[in-house]
Amino acid sequence: MNEALLILLAYLIGSIPTSLIVSRTQFNIDIRDYGSGNAGATNTFRVLGSRWGTIVMIFDMLKGLVAAKMALLLPFYHQNEFELTNFQIGLGLAAVLGHIFPIWAEFRGGKGVATLFGLIIAVSPWTALSCSGVFLLVLFLTRFVSLSSILASLAFPVFILVIFNVDNIAYRIFAIAVALLVIMTHQKNISRLLSGSENKVPILKYRDKRKGRA
């Protein structure tokens, strides 16, 4: 098994349309016909609720994690940490590309944030944990998954370049590219956030009800 075959396999794994499978098997709908029209975890949270949104998010994260870990199938990368990291990034990005343009779902997928996060978990668990903290804090305060994703992605290069000071140039470029990619894929969300029309996800609703009664 060579690198090219693994990259192709990573793309095919990323192409597995988790939200589409859930929406069709459990609700007999196409998730892309509702909400933002996006086949990702955020729209699943919005349309199908937190239970199914969480399930989709976990599986989409696993796509990036599993794809990146496939680098360990090649003995060469067991002995070279620098090359391992670079190849893991390549495999993970192939999975993200599959998630955004899934061959199994007419090339209409999600935005790739959860799959990107799975890749980061595989390459740098501490960085992933730090970005998770940013994501969860913003989500708790605002209930905007889009805003949480954007700010967590912007925090990613800060952790890599400044706080953890990673010296792998490919990883540093990757961190900056991730932030730019997330911003690019969230242009509509940014516009809705600025106009006040962005939808909140149905989590912490009991907290909000208590506040309303108070």
Protein backbone atom coordinates (compact mmCIF):
# COMPACT_ATOMS: atom_id res chain seq x y z
CA MET A 1 0.00 0.00 0.00
CA ASN A 2 1.55 3.32 -1.07
CA GLU A 3 0.93 6.97 -0.27
CA ALA A 4 -1.29 7.66 -3.30
CA LEU A 5 -3.62 4.79 -2.43
CA LEU A 6 -3.90 5.96 1.16
CA ILE A 7 -4.69 9.50 0.06
CA LEU A 8 -7.46 8.17 -2.20
CA LEU A 9 -8.79 6.04 0.65
CA ALA A 10 -8.71 9.06 2.97
CA TYR A 11 -10.79 11.03 0.46
CA LEU A 12 -13.32 8.19 0.23
CA ILE A 13 -13.56 8.01 4.03
CA GLY A 14 -14.11 11.76 4.18
CA SER A 15 -16.82 11.42 1.54
CA ILE A 16 -19.02 9.31 3.82
CA PRO A 17 -22.05 11.66 4.20
CA THR A 18 -22.80 11.14 7.89
CA SER A 19 -25.53 13.76 8.20
CA LEU A 20 -27.19 12.57 5.01
CA ILE A 21 -27.21 8.97 6.23
CA VAL A 22 -28.74 10.03 9.55
CA SER A 23 -31.37 12.30 8.01
CA ARG A 24 -32.45 9.72 5.43
CA THR A 25 -32.47 6.66 7.66
CA GLN A 26 -33.95 8.27 10.77
CA PHE A 27 -36.19 11.01 9.35
CA ASN A 28 -36.63 10.11 5.66
CA ILE A 29 -35.41 13.57 4.58
CA ASP A 30 -32.37 15.06 2.90
CA ILE A 31 -30.71 17.35 5.46
CA ARG A 32 -29.58 19.57 2.59
CA ASP A 33 -33.20 20.56 1.91
CA TYR A 34 -33.53 22.16 5.35
CA GLY A 35 -31.90 24.84 7.45
CA SER A 36 -28.77 26.23 5.83
CA GLY A 37 -28.80 23.50 3.19
CA ASN A 38 -25.45 22.29 4.47
CA ALA A 39 -24.64 18.60 5.03
CA GLY A 40 -22.67 19.09 8.21
CA ALA A 41 -22.94 18.75 11.96
CA THR A 42 -24.04 22.35 12.54
CA ASN A 43 -27.05 22.07 10.28
CA THR A 44 -27.86 18.69 11.83
CA PHE A 45 -27.88 20.32 15.28
CA ARG A 46 -30.16 23.02 13.92
CA VAL A 47 -32.61 20.78 12.05
CA LEU A 48 -32.55 17.43 13.87
CA GLY A 49 -31.56 18.46 17.38
CA SER A 50 -28.56 18.08 19.69
CA ARG A 51 -28.68 14.27 19.92
CA TRP A 52 -28.28 13.66 16.21
CA GLY A 53 -26.05 16.69 15.78
CA THR A 54 -23.66 15.25 18.36
CA ILE A 55 -23.65 11.86 16.65
CA VAL A 56 -22.88 13.44 13.27
CA MET A 57 -20.16 15.63 14.76
CA ILE A 58 -18.44 12.66 16.40
CA PHE A 59 -18.48 10.57 13.23
CA ASP A 60 -17.29 13.49 11.11
CA MET A 61 -14.41 14.02 13.54
CA LEU A 62 -13.56 10.33 13.33
CA LYS A 63 -13.24 10.63 9.55
CA GLY A 64 -10.35 13.08 9.95
CA LEU A 65 -8.81 11.14 12.83
CA VAL A 66 -8.91 7.76 11.10
CA ALA A 67 -7.64 9.21 7.81
CA ALA A 68 -4.64 10.81 9.50
CA LYS A 69 -3.81 7.71 11.52
CA MET A 70 -3.64 5.64 8.32
CA ALA A 71 -0.13 7.05 7.87
CA LEU A 72 0.96 4.51 10.47
CA LEU A 73 0.12 1.72 8.01
CA LEU A 74 3.40 2.51 6.24
CA PRO A 75 6.48 1.40 8.21
CA PHE A 76 8.58 4.31 6.91
CA TYR A 77 6.59 6.80 8.99
CA HIS A 78 7.17 4.90 12.24
CA GLN A 79 10.75 6.14 12.32
CA ASN A 80 10.36 9.72 11.12
CA GLU A 81 8.13 11.96 13.20
CA PHE A 82 8.59 15.00 10.95
CA GLU A 83 7.52 13.11 7.82
CA LEU A 84 4.74 11.39 9.76
CA THR A 85 3.20 14.73 10.73
CA ASN A 86 3.39 16.01 7.17
CA PHE A 87 1.79 12.89 5.71
CA GLN A 88 -0.90 12.87 8.38
CA ILE A 89 -1.78 16.43 7.40
CA GLY A 90 -1.99 15.36 3.76
CA LEU A 91 -4.25 12.43 4.57
CA GLY A 92 -6.44 14.52 6.84
CA LEU A 93 -6.83 17.21 4.21
CA ALA A 94 -7.86 14.55 1.69
CA ALA A 95 -10.60 13.51 4.15
CA VAL A 96 -11.67 17.15 4.58
CA LEU A 97 -11.84 17.52 0.80
CA GLY A 98 -14.01 14.41 0.71
CA HIS A 99 -16.29 15.84 3.39
CA ILE A 100 -16.73 19.11 1.48
CA PHE A 101 -17.04 17.44 -1.94
CA PRO A 102 -18.28 13.89 -1.20
CA ILE A 103 -18.29 11.53 -4.14
CA TRP A 104 -21.07 9.55 -2.43
CA ALA A 105 -23.40 12.59 -2.18
CA GLU A 106 -23.27 14.48 -5.48
CA PHE A 107 -20.23 16.45 -4.25
CA ARG A 108 -22.49 18.49 -1.92
CA GLY A 109 -21.13 18.11 1.58
CA GLY A 110 -20.40 20.09 4.71
CA LYS A 111 -17.81 22.69 5.61
CA GLY A 112 -15.26 20.28 7.02
CA VAL A 113 -14.74 21.79 10.47
CA ALA A 114 -15.41 18.60 12.45
CA THR A 115 -13.24 16.55 10.08
CA LEU A 116 -10.47 19.13 10.37
CA PHE A 117 -10.74 18.87 14.13
CA GLY A 118 -10.35 15.10 13.93
CA LEU A 119 -7.15 15.65 11.96
CA ILE A 120 -5.86 18.04 14.62
CA ILE A 121 -6.62 15.47 17.33
CA ALA A 122 -4.52 12.93 15.43
CA VAL A 123 -1.57 15.26 14.92
CA SER A 124 -1.59 17.35 18.10
CA PRO A 125 -4.00 16.31 20.90
CA TRP A 126 -3.01 19.18 23.22
CA THR A 127 -3.69 21.74 20.52
CA ALA A 128 -7.01 20.06 19.81
CA LEU A 129 -7.91 20.25 23.49
CA SER A 130 -7.02 23.95 23.59
CA CYS A 131 -9.12 24.71 20.51
CA SER A 132 -11.97 22.69 22.04
CA GLY A 133 -11.86 24.98 25.06
CA VAL A 134 -12.26 28.03 22.83
CA PHE A 135 -15.07 26.38 20.87
CA LEU A 136 -17.02 25.26 23.94
CA LEU A 137 -16.62 28.59 25.73
CA VAL A 138 -17.93 30.56 22.75
CA LEU A 139 -20.71 28.03 22.18
CA PHE A 140 -21.78 28.24 25.84
CA LEU A 141 -21.85 32.02 25.72
CA THR A 142 -23.51 32.47 22.31
CA ARG A 143 -24.98 29.13 21.07
CA PHE A 144 -23.63 30.01 17.61
CA VAL A 145 -21.75 26.97 16.28
CA SER A 146 -20.51 28.99 13.32
CA LEU A 147 -18.98 31.68 15.53
CA SER A 148 -17.50 29.01 17.81
CA SER A 149 -15.92 27.27 14.82
CA ILE A 150 -14.52 30.51 13.40
CA LEU A 151 -12.95 31.65 16.67
CA ALA A 152 -11.57 28.19 17.44
CA SER A 153 -9.99 28.07 13.96
CA LEU A 154 -8.44 31.51 14.48
CA ALA A 155 -7.08 30.33 17.83
CA PHE A 156 -5.47 27.31 16.14
CA PRO A 157 -2.55 29.16 14.47
CA VAL A 158 -2.09 31.19 17.64
CA PHE A 159 -1.57 27.99 19.63
CA ILE A 160 0.74 26.52 16.96
CA LEU A 161 2.84 29.60 16.19
CA VAL A 162 2.92 31.36 19.54
CA ILE A 163 1.92 29.26 22.53
CA PHE A 164 3.28 25.82 21.57
CA ASN A 165 5.79 27.27 19.07
CA VAL A 166 5.78 24.23 16.77
CA ASP A 167 8.86 24.29 14.53
CA ASN A 168 7.44 22.15 11.70
CA ILE A 169 7.03 24.66 8.86
CA ALA A 170 4.42 22.52 7.09
CA TYR A 171 2.34 22.38 10.27
CA ARG A 172 2.64 26.15 10.75
CA ILE A 173 1.44 26.76 7.19
CA PHE A 174 -1.33 24.23 7.72
CA ALA A 175 -2.52 26.04 10.87
CA ILE A 176 -2.78 29.36 9.02
CA ALA A 177 -4.49 27.64 6.06
CA VAL A 178 -7.07 26.08 8.39
CA ALA A 179 -8.04 29.48 9.77
CA LEU A 180 -8.36 30.91 6.26
CA LEU A 181 -10.32 27.88 5.02
CA VAL A 182 -12.84 28.07 7.86
CA ILE A 183 -13.36 31.78 7.29
CA MET A 184 -13.82 31.20 3.55
CA THR A 185 -16.35 28.42 4.05
CA HIS A 186 -18.29 30.46 6.60
CA GLN A 187 -18.84 33.62 4.54
CA LYS A 188 -22.62 33.25 4.62
CA ASN A 189 -22.55 32.57 8.35
CA ILE A 190 -20.43 35.67 8.92
CA SER A 191 -22.94 37.75 6.95
CA ARG A 192 -25.82 36.34 9.01
CA LEU A 193 -23.93 36.94 12.25
CA LEU A 194 -23.34 40.57 11.30
CA SER A 195 -26.99 41.04 10.31
CA GLY A 196 -28.30 39.25 13.42
CA SER A 197 -30.06 36.55 11.42
CA GLU A 198 -27.82 33.59 12.25
CA ASN A 199 -29.70 30.74 13.92
CA LYS A 200 -28.64 29.38 17.28
CA VAL A 201 -28.38 25.65 17.85
CA PRO A 202 -30.92 23.98 20.17
CA ILE A 203 -28.57 23.38 23.09
CA LEU A 204 -28.70 24.88 26.57
CA LYS A 205 -32.39 25.47 25.89
CA TYR A 206 -33.31 24.62 29.47
CA ARG A 207 -30.91 27.29 30.71
CA ASP A 208 -32.54 29.79 28.36
CA LYS A 209 -36.03 28.77 29.54
CA ARG A 210 -35.02 29.35 33.14
CA LYS A 211 -33.70 32.77 32.23
CA GLY A 212 -36.96 33.53 30.44
CA ARG A 213 -39.04 32.55 33.49
CA ALA A 214 -36.79 34.62 35.73
